[in-house]
Amino acid sequence: MNLDEQRFLEEVRNGRRKEDEQQQQKERKLLFIRNIMNSVFILLSLIAMIGMAYTWYAENEHIRLLSIGLGVVAVLIKMVEATLRMTTTLRRPHGLQRHARSNKE
């Protein structure tokens, strides 16, 4: 291999490293957003469940409807988070095989 070919291969490797770093940075940003969405989902779900438990035998229809609405919003947030997770997982080079166990026994 001559010097020009070695330089070319080094440039290709450096370009791939930069692309990999950019991809990892994007994934970290999406992970941060997903974590916030999960926290909001948990908080809204707890508030909705407490509201439903509070109004189970009470006649306060306003709080009951508000609790159901909060529950629906929480589920919608979770669906968006799951969609982000699936699209991130499918974009990886190895797809869903990232977490697969190895069979090298």
C-alpha atoms as a PDB file:
ATOM      1  CA  MET A   1       0.000   0.000   0.000  1.00  0.00           C
ATOM      2  CA  ASN A   2       1.487   3.347  -0.946  1.00  0.00           C
ATOM      3  CA  LEU A   3       1.414   6.578   1.037  1.00  0.00           C
ATOM      4  CA  ASP A   4      -1.563   8.055  -0.862  1.00  0.00           C
ATOM      5  CA  GLU A   5      -3.700   4.997  -0.166  1.00  0.00           C
ATOM      6  CA  GLN A   6      -2.787   5.103   3.514  1.00  0.00           C
ATOM      7  CA  ARG A   7      -3.739   8.777   3.734  1.00  0.00           C
ATOM      8  CA  PHE A   8      -7.019   8.082   1.972  1.00  0.00           C
ATOM      9  CA  LEU A   9      -7.853   5.235   4.363  1.00  0.00           C
ATOM     10  CA  GLU A  10      -6.988   7.416   7.352  1.00  0.00           C
ATOM     11  CA  GLU A  11      -9.276  10.200   6.081  1.00  0.00           C
ATOM     12  CA  VAL A  12     -12.108   7.693   5.623  1.00  0.00           C
ATOM     13  CA  ARG A  13     -11.593   6.372   9.160  1.00  0.00           C
ATOM     14  CA  ASN A  14     -11.560   9.907  10.596  1.00  0.00           C
ATOM     15  CA  GLY A  15     -14.750  10.745   8.697  1.00  0.00           C
ATOM     16  CA  ARG A  16     -16.466   7.674  10.105  1.00  0.00           C
ATOM     17  CA  ARG A  17     -15.338   8.561  13.613  1.00  0.00           C
ATOM     18  CA  LYS A  18     -16.830  12.034  13.274  1.00  0.00           C
ATOM     19  CA  GLU A  19     -20.096  10.579  11.982  1.00  0.00           C
ATOM     20  CA  ASP A  20     -20.150   8.074  14.840  1.00  0.00           C
ATOM     21  CA  GLU A  21     -19.542  10.841  17.381  1.00  0.00           C
ATOM     22  CA  GLN A  22     -22.336  12.931  15.881  1.00  0.00           C
ATOM     23  CA  GLN A  23     -24.678   9.937  15.970  1.00  0.00           C
ATOM     24  CA  GLN A  24     -23.799   9.240  19.608  1.00  0.00           C
ATOM     25  CA  GLN A  25     -24.408  12.878  20.489  1.00  0.00           C
ATOM     26  CA  LYS A  26     -27.848  12.706  18.830  1.00  0.00           C
ATOM     27  CA  GLU A  27     -28.661   9.513  20.723  1.00  0.00           C
ATOM     28  CA  ARG A  28     -27.608  11.112  24.037  1.00  0.00           C
ATOM     29  CA  LYS A  29     -29.862  14.087  23.329  1.00  0.00           C
ATOM     30  CA  LEU A  30     -32.790  11.808  22.492  1.00  0.00           C
ATOM     31  CA  LEU A  31     -32.131   9.758  25.627  1.00  0.00           C
ATOM     32  CA  PHE A  32     -32.308  12.938  27.716  1.00  0.00           C
ATOM     33  CA  ILE A  33     -35.621  13.894  26.069  1.00  0.00           C
ATOM     34  CA  ARG A  34     -36.969  10.356  26.575  1.00  0.00           C
ATOM     35  CA  ASN A  35     -35.996  10.410  30.252  1.00  0.00           C
ATOM     36  CA  ILE A  36     -37.834  13.699  30.753  1.00  0.00           C
ATOM     37  CA  MET A  37     -40.886  12.299  28.954  1.00  0.00           C
ATOM     38  CA  ASN A  38     -40.815   9.190  31.166  1.00  0.00           C
ATOM     39  CA  SER A  39     -40.641  11.356  34.284  1.00  0.00           C
ATOM     40  CA  VAL A  40     -43.597  13.443  33.127  1.00  0.00           C
ATOM     41  CA  PHE A  41     -45.514  10.249  32.292  1.00  0.00           C
ATOM     42  CA  ILE A  42     -44.926   8.812  35.769  1.00  0.00           C
ATOM     43  CA  LEU A  43     -45.884  12.063  37.482  1.00  0.00           C
ATOM     44  CA  LEU A  44     -49.091  12.521  35.463  1.00  0.00           C
ATOM     45  CA  SER A  45     -50.032   8.866  35.930  1.00  0.00           C
ATOM     46  CA  LEU A  46     -49.643   9.123  39.698  1.00  0.00           C
ATOM     47  CA  ILE A  47     -51.711  12.309  39.832  1.00  0.00           C
ATOM     48  CA  ALA A  48     -54.394  10.701  37.659  1.00  0.00           C
ATOM     49  CA  MET A  49     -54.526   7.551  39.822  1.00  0.00           C
ATOM     50  CA  ILE A  50     -54.712   9.561  43.040  1.00  0.00           C
ATOM     51  CA  GLY A  51     -57.483  11.685  41.523  1.00  0.00           C
ATOM     52  CA  MET A  52     -59.422   8.594  40.461  1.00  0.00           C
ATOM     53  CA  ALA A  53     -59.013   7.017  43.899  1.00  0.00           C
ATOM     54  CA  TYR A  54     -60.151  10.244  45.543  1.00  0.00           C
ATOM     55  CA  THR A  55     -63.294  10.491  43.404  1.00  0.00           C
ATOM     56  CA  TRP A  56     -64.129   6.769  43.334  1.00  0.00           C
ATOM     57  CA  TYR A  57     -67.069   7.143  45.736  1.00  0.00           C
ATOM     58  CA  ALA A  58     -67.316  10.923  45.753  1.00  0.00           C
ATOM     59  CA  GLU A  59     -69.760  12.913  43.698  1.00  0.00           C
ATOM     60  CA  ASN A  60     -67.142  15.335  42.392  1.00  0.00           C
ATOM     61  CA  GLU A  61     -67.472  14.819  38.656  1.00  0.00           C
ATOM     62  CA  HIS A  62     -65.112  17.682  37.752  1.00  0.00           C
ATOM     63  CA  ILE A  63     -62.065  16.101  39.444  1.00  0.00           C
ATOM     64  CA  ARG A  64     -62.938  12.688  38.010  1.00  0.00           C
ATOM     65  CA  LEU A  65     -62.982  14.050  34.445  1.00  0.00           C
ATOM     66  CA  LEU A  66     -59.767  15.962  35.075  1.00  0.00           C
ATOM     67  CA  SER A  67     -58.122  12.753  36.345  1.00  0.00           C
ATOM     68  CA  ILE A  68     -59.227  10.809  33.284  1.00  0.00           C
ATOM     69  CA  GLY A  69     -57.913  13.606  31.045  1.00  0.00           C
ATOM     70  CA  LEU A  70     -54.548  13.572  32.823  1.00  0.00           C
ATOM     71  CA  GLY A  71     -54.392   9.804  32.383  1.00  0.00           C
ATOM     72  CA  VAL A  72     -55.034  10.125  28.662  1.00  0.00           C
ATOM     73  CA  VAL A  73     -52.347  12.805  28.319  1.00  0.00           C
ATOM     74  CA  ALA A  74     -49.907  10.570  30.236  1.00  0.00           C
ATOM     75  CA  VAL A  75     -50.587   7.671  27.878  1.00  0.00           C
ATOM     76  CA  LEU A  76     -50.089   9.905  24.831  1.00  0.00           C
ATOM     77  CA  ILE A  77     -46.734  11.094  26.212  1.00  0.00           C
ATOM     78  CA  LYS A  78     -45.694   7.492  26.779  1.00  0.00           C
ATOM     79  CA  MET A  79     -46.672   6.578  23.213  1.00  0.00           C
ATOM     80  CA  VAL A  80     -44.513   9.407  21.819  1.00  0.00           C
ATOM     81  CA  GLU A  81     -41.603   8.274  24.011  1.00  0.00           C
ATOM     82  CA  ALA A  82     -41.972   4.674  22.840  1.00  0.00           C
ATOM     83  CA  THR A  83     -42.025   5.850  19.220  1.00  0.00           C
ATOM     84  CA  LEU A  84     -38.798   7.802  19.793  1.00  0.00           C
ATOM     85  CA  ARG A  85     -37.236   4.722  21.384  1.00  0.00           C
ATOM     86  CA  MET A  86     -38.203   2.442  18.502  1.00  0.00           C
ATOM     87  CA  THR A  87     -37.002   4.831  15.799  1.00  0.00           C
ATOM     88  CA  THR A  88     -33.683   5.262  17.628  1.00  0.00           C
ATOM     89  CA  THR A  89     -33.287   1.512  17.985  1.00  0.00           C
ATOM     90  CA  LEU A  90     -34.109   0.800  14.344  1.00  0.00           C
ATOM     91  CA  ARG A  91     -31.673   3.473  13.097  1.00  0.00           C
ATOM     92  CA  ARG A  92     -28.693   1.737  14.683  1.00  0.00           C
ATOM     93  CA  PRO A  93     -26.483  -0.306  12.377  1.00  0.00           C
ATOM     94  CA  HIS A  94     -27.303  -3.527  14.184  1.00  0.00           C
ATOM     95  CA  GLY A  95     -30.961  -2.688  14.782  1.00  0.00           C
ATOM     96  CA  LEU A  96     -32.595  -4.650  17.541  1.00  0.00           C
ATOM     97  CA  GLN A  97     -29.643  -7.007  17.936  1.00  0.00           C
ATOM     98  CA  ARG A  98     -27.817  -4.598  20.238  1.00  0.00           C
ATOM     99  CA  HIS A  99     -29.183  -6.182  23.410  1.00  0.00           C
ATOM    100  CA  ALA A 100     -29.240  -9.753  22.160  1.00  0.00           C
ATOM    101  CA  ARG A 101     -27.271 -12.292  24.135  1.00  0.00           C
ATOM    102  CA  SER A 102     -24.260 -13.786  22.472  1.00  0.00           C
ATOM    103  CA  ASN A 103     -24.170 -17.467  21.669  1.00  0.00           C
ATOM    104  CA  LYS A 104     -20.424 -17.850  22.175  1.00  0.00           C
ATOM    105  CA  GLU A 105     -20.632 -20.570  24.815  1.00  0.00           C
END
